[in-house]
Amino acid sequence: QVQLAESGGGLVQPGGSLRLSCAASGRSFTSYILGWFRQAPGKEREFVAAVNWSGSSSDYADSVKGRFTISRDNAKNTVYLQMNSLNPEDTAVYYCAAGLGPWYSYRGNYSPAKFSYWGQGAQVTVSS
């Protein structure tokens, strides 16, 4: 079992940058696929990015590709989401999530149901 806690959210102007962190506690951090999801008011939770156990492979939603970067530091039990060129459509509560299973089983189908553990969420607001 793993517990997740996000930090780093806040208010940023369009075109700005923000980095989210998600600290994990518990055992076997490297066993987990780690992902970031977001949920805007009135919308369903959507996939943003995910990274495999070693950090050597990652996937992104088309809407954030080229602007966001996911990374993990297994020595610190932490996963990050670097967000650049933010726009108002990126406004949402951002959640980190952890799931078990082989990396290939996630690729192409990042359903929230595949992730067993979730953080409490961090608000990101992009506004002038």
Foldseek 3Di string as FASTA:
>chain_A
DKAKAKDWADEAAAQAKTKMKIAIDDPDLLQKKKFKWWDDPPGDIGGAKIAHSVQPDMDGDPVQPPFWDWGDDVVRRMIMIIGGRDDQVPWTWMKMFIAGDDPVVCPPPPDPVRTDYIYPTGTHGYHD
